[in-house]
Protein backbone atom coordinates (compact mmCIF):
# COMPACT_ATOMS: atom_id res chain seq x y z
CA MET A 1 -16.35 1.03 0.50
CA PRO A 2 -19.51 2.77 2.55
CA ILE A 3 -19.34 -0.09 4.86
CA PHE A 4 -15.74 0.69 5.56
CA ALA A 5 -16.48 4.65 5.43
CA ARG A 6 -19.62 3.99 8.45
CA VAL A 7 -17.43 2.28 10.79
CA GLY A 8 -14.76 5.06 10.22
CA VAL A 9 -12.13 2.78 8.43
CA PRO A 10 -9.60 5.74 8.05
CA GLU A 11 -7.79 3.89 4.90
CA VAL A 12 -8.15 1.63 2.43
CA TRP A 13 -5.63 -0.22 0.10
CA ARG A 14 -7.52 -1.68 -3.21
CA TYR A 15 -5.49 -3.70 -6.22
CA ASP A 16 -6.76 -4.82 -9.40
CA GLY A 17 -3.37 -6.68 -10.43
CA SER A 18 -1.76 -3.96 -11.47
CA SER A 19 -2.39 -1.30 -9.86
CA LEU A 20 -2.77 -0.47 -6.11
CA ARG A 21 -4.89 2.77 -5.00
CA ILE A 22 -5.03 4.42 -1.41
CA SER A 23 -8.74 6.17 -0.24
CA LYS A 24 -8.23 7.75 2.41
CA LEU A 25 -11.68 8.53 4.30
CA GLN A 26 -12.41 12.34 3.78
CA CYS A 27 -15.56 13.16 5.63
CA ASP A 28 -18.05 10.02 5.10
CA ASP A 29 -16.62 9.39 1.38
CA TYR A 30 -13.20 8.27 0.40
CA VAL A 31 -10.53 10.18 -1.58
CA SER A 32 -7.73 9.15 -3.62
CA THR A 33 -4.49 9.66 -2.25
CA ASP A 34 -0.92 8.87 -3.15
CA ARG A 35 0.57 8.46 0.62
CA SER A 36 -0.88 6.39 3.21
CA LEU A 37 -1.59 7.88 5.92
CA SER A 38 -1.13 5.02 8.33
CA PHE A 39 2.77 4.59 6.86
CA PRO A 40 3.68 8.67 5.29
CA ILE A 41 6.71 6.72 3.26
CA LEU A 42 4.86 4.22 1.17
CA THR A 43 2.97 5.46 -1.52
CA SER A 44 1.11 4.00 -3.99
CA ARG A 45 4.02 3.28 -6.42
CA VAL A 46 6.30 2.18 -3.95
CA LEU A 47 3.32 -0.58 -2.71
CA GLU A 48 3.34 -1.72 -6.51
CA ASP A 49 6.85 -2.42 -6.98
CA PHE A 50 6.80 -4.51 -3.66
CA LEU A 51 3.71 -6.34 -5.28
CA ALA A 52 5.55 -6.91 -8.74
CA LYS A 53 8.67 -8.10 -6.45
CA SER A 54 6.40 -10.44 -4.43
CA GLN A 55 5.55 -11.79 -8.07
CA GLU A 56 8.95 -11.91 -9.37
CA TRP A 57 10.53 -13.47 -6.19
CA GLU A 58 7.28 -15.83 -5.50
CA GLU A 59 10.09 -18.68 -4.69
CA ASP A 60 12.38 -16.12 -2.66
CA ARG A 61 10.38 -14.80 -0.23
CA PRO A 62 13.58 -14.19 2.02
CA ARG A 63 14.76 -12.44 -0.51
CA LEU A 64 12.09 -9.94 -1.10
CA VAL A 65 11.56 -9.71 2.65
CA ARG A 66 15.03 -8.57 2.83
CA PHE A 67 14.88 -6.19 -0.61
CA ILE A 68 11.70 -4.34 1.48
CA ARG A 69 14.08 -4.41 5.10
CA ASP A 70 16.91 -2.41 3.14
CA TRP A 71 14.02 -0.08 1.34
CA VAL A 72 12.25 0.59 4.58
CA ASN A 73 16.33 1.32 6.76
CA ALA A 74 17.08 3.26 3.32
CA ASN A 75 13.69 5.55 3.49
CA ARG A 76 13.51 6.03 6.91
């Protein structure tokens, strides 16, 4: 994380296999936040849902893409 901060990466997403954490750069350190700076409609909970669906529908990528596309269209 310190390397990302040094080069000015504004946002980092970290997934540990069960939960996703979004951190934003504030001064020279990262602080947790629930919402993406780059994609404000995305929260950590929504991203966790997408990741769960990607595992559930691993063999059906078109279904996953439709699911995400439908979610984006509904939440614009």
